[in-house]
């Protein structure tokens, strides 16, 4: 059964394997520790929120650019034929909302 190793080599191999096993167990202990799990979950949520916020920013930026391109000519001058109807509609919405809220207060 001798593989040509001396007892000192065998003992050194056992010591090395014990150290490797201890390091592996320490790593497993860190991975399953509740704080490590909570930190990982927090980081995952943070990444998901950052991705969502980034996508929302891009979508809003695109929408604003689309609206701006509809209301401003290529040379930067306002397109009054488009701005006036939008402004009138906005004022009408504000008036309707304010009337509704004043009616609710009276009741």
Protein backbone atom coordinates (compact mmCIF):
# COMPACT_ATOMS: atom_id res chain seq x y z
CA UNK A 1 0.00 0.00 0.00
CA UNK A 2 3.02 2.22 0.11
CA UNK A 3 2.97 4.86 -2.59
CA UNK A 4 6.56 5.84 -2.01
CA UNK A 5 5.82 8.70 0.38
CA UNK A 6 7.50 9.07 3.70
CA UNK A 7 5.52 9.41 6.92
CA UNK A 8 6.52 13.09 7.04
CA UNK A 9 5.11 13.65 3.54
CA UNK A 10 1.89 11.89 4.47
CA UNK A 11 1.60 13.97 7.62
CA UNK A 12 2.25 17.19 5.64
CA UNK A 13 -0.42 16.14 3.14
CA UNK A 14 -2.90 15.56 5.99
CA UNK A 15 -2.10 18.97 7.49
CA UNK A 16 -2.53 20.68 4.09
CA UNK A 17 -5.87 18.94 3.52
CA UNK A 18 -7.08 19.94 6.98
CA UNK A 19 -6.16 23.56 6.24
CA UNK A 20 -7.96 23.39 2.88
CA UNK A 21 -11.02 21.90 4.57
CA UNK A 22 -10.96 24.58 7.29
CA UNK A 23 -10.76 27.32 4.63
CA UNK A 24 -13.65 25.75 2.72
CA UNK A 25 -15.77 25.53 5.87
CA UNK A 26 -14.96 29.16 6.71
CA UNK A 27 -16.03 30.22 3.21
CA UNK A 28 -19.27 28.25 3.50
CA UNK A 29 -19.88 29.85 6.89
CA UNK A 30 -19.49 33.33 5.39
CA UNK A 31 -21.76 32.51 2.44
CA UNK A 32 -24.63 31.23 4.58
CA UNK A 33 -24.32 33.91 7.26
CA UNK A 34 -27.56 35.93 7.45
CA UNK A 35 -25.71 39.25 7.04
CA UNK A 36 -24.04 38.01 3.84
CA UNK A 37 -27.39 36.82 2.49
CA UNK A 38 -29.06 40.14 3.42
CA UNK A 39 -26.22 42.14 1.85
CA UNK A 40 -26.51 40.11 -1.35
CA UNK A 41 -30.28 40.60 -1.46
CA UNK A 42 -29.88 44.34 -0.84
CA UNK A 43 -27.34 44.61 -3.64
CA UNK A 44 -29.66 42.71 -6.01
CA UNK A 45 -32.58 45.00 -5.19
CA UNK A 46 -30.39 48.07 -5.58
CA UNK A 47 -29.23 46.88 -9.01
CA UNK A 48 -32.83 46.20 -10.10
CA UNK A 49 -33.93 49.65 -8.95
CA UNK A 50 -30.99 51.30 -10.72
CA UNK A 51 -31.87 49.44 -13.92
CA UNK A 52 -35.54 50.45 -13.64
CA UNK A 53 -34.68 54.08 -12.90
CA UNK A 54 -32.28 54.11 -15.83
CA UNK A 55 -34.92 52.74 -18.18
CA UNK A 56 -37.49 55.23 -16.88
CA UNK A 57 -35.04 58.09 -17.40
CA UNK A 58 -34.40 57.02 -20.97
CA UNK A 59 -38.14 56.68 -21.66
CA UNK A 60 -38.94 60.10 -20.16
CA UNK A 61 -36.04 61.70 -21.98
CA UNK A 62 -37.26 60.20 -25.25
CA UNK A 63 -40.84 61.41 -24.59
CA UNK A 64 -39.64 64.92 -23.77
CA UNK A 65 -37.53 64.97 -26.92
CA UNK A 66 -40.51 63.83 -28.99
CA UNK A 67 -42.78 66.50 -27.51
CA UNK A 68 -40.10 69.16 -27.88
CA UNK A 69 -39.52 68.25 -31.52
CA UNK A 70 -43.25 68.66 -32.10
CA UNK A 71 -43.39 72.08 -30.46
CA UNK A 72 -40.08 73.54 -31.62
CA UNK A 73 -38.90 73.91 -35.20
CA UNK A 74 -35.47 72.69 -36.33
CA UNK A 75 -34.08 76.21 -36.07
CA UNK A 76 -35.19 76.45 -32.41
CA UNK A 77 -38.16 78.75 -32.96
CA UNK A 78 -41.46 77.81 -31.30
CA UNK A 79 -44.22 76.36 -33.50
CA UNK A 80 -47.11 78.54 -32.36
CA UNK A 81 -49.62 76.61 -34.48
CA UNK A 82 -48.94 73.63 -32.19
CA UNK A 83 -48.22 75.39 -28.90
CA UNK A 84 -51.47 77.39 -28.75
CA UNK A 85 -53.82 74.37 -28.94
CA UNK A 86 -51.76 72.53 -26.32
CA UNK A 87 -51.84 75.57 -24.01
CA UNK A 88 -55.60 75.96 -24.48
CA UNK A 89 -56.14 72.29 -23.68
CA UNK A 90 -53.95 72.57 -20.57
CA UNK A 91 -55.88 75.60 -19.33
CA UNK A 92 -59.18 73.79 -19.96
CA UNK A 93 -57.99 70.79 -17.92
CA UNK A 94 -56.90 73.05 -15.04
CA UNK A 95 -60.26 74.85 -15.07
CA UNK A 96 -62.19 71.55 -15.07
CA UNK A 97 -60.13 70.13 -12.23
CA UNK A 98 -60.45 73.28 -10.14
CA UNK A 99 -64.23 73.38 -10.67
CA UNK A 100 -64.55 69.74 -9.65
CA UNK A 101 -62.50 70.23 -6.52
CA UNK A 102 -64.46 73.36 -5.56
CA UNK A 103 -67.74 71.44 -6.01
CA UNK A 104 -66.48 68.68 -3.75
CA UNK A 105 -65.55 71.20 -1.06
CA UNK A 106 -69.04 72.69 -1.14
CA UNK A 107 -70.73 69.34 -0.49
